[in-house]
Amino acid sequence: PAAEELTQSWGTRVEIKAGATRAVHQHDEARFHLFVPLTGKFELTIGSNKPVEAWPGQAFYLTKGTPHGFRNTGDTPASVMEIFVLLDSPKAAQQAPILRRSGEDAAIVAQALASVMAQPAAVAQSKN
């Protein structure tokens, strides 16, 4: 089956002010979530792990429902790209392991990446 028949994806670019924090949250609707800093310097917390530094170009792969939060540790605004691959049917959930092995998820992410980069950045609602 074609990947687009089983999944849908969406993405966003988020800007966050210097020193601002995006509280820990999770995305239960996403099969997986790709978090990629684009500019600036972030501290990323995933699950109950200690925070790690996240630099532009590093990619962090999160599975469904993984709690995460981030903080801009720099003194200038920073931006991050987030891509979400969603499952839209029980059939898709059943077929997901097959898609993962076939490499079709990579094509979905690449398509979403192109779409995200063409969009203007959103500004995160954050706390200083």
Protein backbone atom coordinates (compact mmCIF):
# COMPACT_ATOMS: atom_id res chain seq x y z
CA PRO A 1 0.00 0.00 0.00
CA ALA A 2 1.13 3.55 -0.65
CA ALA A 3 2.28 5.49 2.40
CA GLU A 4 -0.12 8.36 1.74
CA GLU A 5 -3.05 5.93 1.90
CA LEU A 6 -2.13 4.91 5.43
CA THR A 7 -0.69 7.98 7.07
CA GLN A 8 -0.81 11.72 7.01
CA SER A 9 1.84 14.14 8.13
CA TRP A 10 2.09 17.75 9.10
CA GLY A 11 4.78 19.99 10.39
CA THR A 12 5.54 23.41 11.73
CA ARG A 13 8.41 25.75 12.40
CA VAL A 14 8.30 27.31 15.86
CA GLU A 15 10.23 30.35 17.07
CA ILE A 16 10.90 30.72 20.77
CA LYS A 17 12.25 33.80 22.54
CA ALA A 18 15.63 33.84 24.27
CA GLY A 19 15.38 32.13 27.65
CA ALA A 20 11.79 30.97 27.02
CA THR A 21 10.51 27.48 27.83
CA ARG A 22 7.95 25.24 26.17
CA ALA A 23 6.49 23.18 29.00
CA VAL A 24 6.59 19.39 28.93
CA HIS A 25 3.78 18.04 26.75
CA GLN A 26 3.08 15.07 24.50
CA HIS A 27 1.44 14.30 21.18
CA ASP A 28 -0.84 11.29 21.53
CA GLU A 29 -2.17 11.71 18.01
CA ALA A 30 1.24 11.20 16.37
CA ARG A 31 2.76 7.84 15.46
CA PHE A 32 6.08 9.62 15.58
CA HIS A 33 7.41 13.13 15.93
CA LEU A 34 10.67 14.52 14.57
CA PHE A 35 12.15 17.48 16.47
CA VAL A 36 14.95 19.36 14.66
CA PRO A 37 16.43 22.65 15.93
CA LEU A 38 17.02 25.06 13.03
CA THR A 39 18.63 28.06 14.73
CA GLY A 40 19.86 28.86 18.21
CA LYS A 41 20.59 26.57 21.12
CA PHE A 42 18.06 24.43 22.94
CA GLU A 43 17.90 22.26 26.01
CA LEU A 44 15.53 19.36 25.30
CA THR A 45 13.94 17.12 27.93
CA ILE A 46 12.54 13.80 26.71
CA GLY A 47 10.54 11.64 29.10
CA SER A 48 12.17 11.36 32.52
CA ASN A 49 15.69 11.73 31.09
CA LYS A 50 17.98 14.58 32.04
CA PRO A 51 17.87 17.55 29.64
CA VAL A 52 20.30 17.41 26.71
CA GLU A 53 21.73 20.19 24.56
CA ALA A 54 20.20 20.33 21.10
CA TRP A 55 21.99 22.19 18.32
CA PRO A 56 20.81 23.13 14.81
CA GLY A 57 20.65 20.11 12.55
CA GLN A 58 20.39 17.49 15.29
CA ALA A 59 17.29 15.34 14.85
CA PHE A 60 15.39 13.81 17.76
CA TYR A 61 12.92 11.01 17.03
CA LEU A 62 10.01 10.68 19.47
CA THR A 63 7.35 7.99 19.44
CA LYS A 64 3.65 8.38 20.22
CA GLY A 65 2.93 9.99 23.58
CA THR A 66 6.55 10.68 24.58
CA PRO A 67 6.59 13.61 27.05
CA HIS A 68 9.02 16.34 26.01
CA GLY A 69 9.73 20.01 26.55
CA PHE A 70 12.39 22.48 25.49
CA ARG A 71 14.07 25.71 26.49
CA ASN A 72 15.95 28.28 24.44
CA THR A 73 19.26 28.53 26.29
CA GLY A 74 20.64 31.26 24.03
CA ASP A 75 20.34 35.02 24.16
CA THR A 76 18.61 35.35 20.78
CA PRO A 77 15.38 33.87 19.39
CA ALA A 78 15.70 30.26 18.22
CA SER A 79 13.63 28.11 15.89
CA VAL A 80 12.76 24.45 15.65
CA MET A 81 11.08 22.33 13.01
CA GLU A 82 8.64 19.68 14.15
CA ILE A 83 7.19 17.00 11.87
CA PHE A 84 4.39 14.70 12.96
CA VAL A 85 3.34 11.51 11.21
CA LEU A 86 -0.20 10.59 12.17
CA LEU A 87 -2.05 7.33 11.74
CA ASP A 88 -5.55 7.80 10.47
CA SER A 89 -7.11 4.34 10.62
CA PRO A 90 -6.91 0.94 12.33
CA LYS A 91 -5.60 -0.42 9.02
CA ALA A 92 -2.76 2.09 9.12
CA ALA A 93 -1.87 1.08 12.67
CA GLN A 94 -1.78 -2.55 11.57
CA GLN A 95 0.45 -1.75 8.58
CA ALA A 96 2.82 0.67 10.35
CA PRO A 97 5.56 -1.91 11.10
CA ILE A 98 5.61 -2.84 7.41
CA LEU A 99 5.97 0.79 6.40
CA ARG A 100 8.79 1.28 8.87
CA ARG A 101 10.77 -1.62 7.41
CA SER A 102 10.12 -0.55 3.83
CA GLY A 103 11.55 2.93 4.37
CA GLU A 104 8.34 4.66 3.31
CA ASP A 105 8.29 6.66 6.57
CA ALA A 106 11.43 8.43 5.33
CA ALA A 107 9.56 9.51 2.20
CA ILE A 108 6.69 10.82 4.33
CA VAL A 109 9.11 12.82 6.49
CA ALA A 110 10.91 14.22 3.43
CA GLN A 111 7.61 15.35 1.93
CA ALA A 112 6.55 16.95 5.22
CA LEU A 113 9.96 18.64 5.57
CA ALA A 114 9.59 20.32 2.19
CA SER A 115 6.14 21.53 3.20
CA VAL A 116 7.32 22.86 6.57
CA MET A 117 10.24 24.77 5.13
CA ALA A 118 7.88 26.56 2.74
CA GLN A 119 5.74 27.87 5.65
CA PRO A 120 6.32 30.98 7.76
CA ALA A 121 7.42 30.22 11.31
CA ALA A 122 4.88 30.18 14.15
CA VAL A 123 5.71 31.83 17.46
CA ALA A 124 5.52 29.50 20.44
CA GLN A 125 3.36 30.34 23.41
CA SER A 126 5.99 30.09 26.11
CA LYS A 127 6.97 31.12 29.59
CA ASN A 128 10.12 33.06 30.46
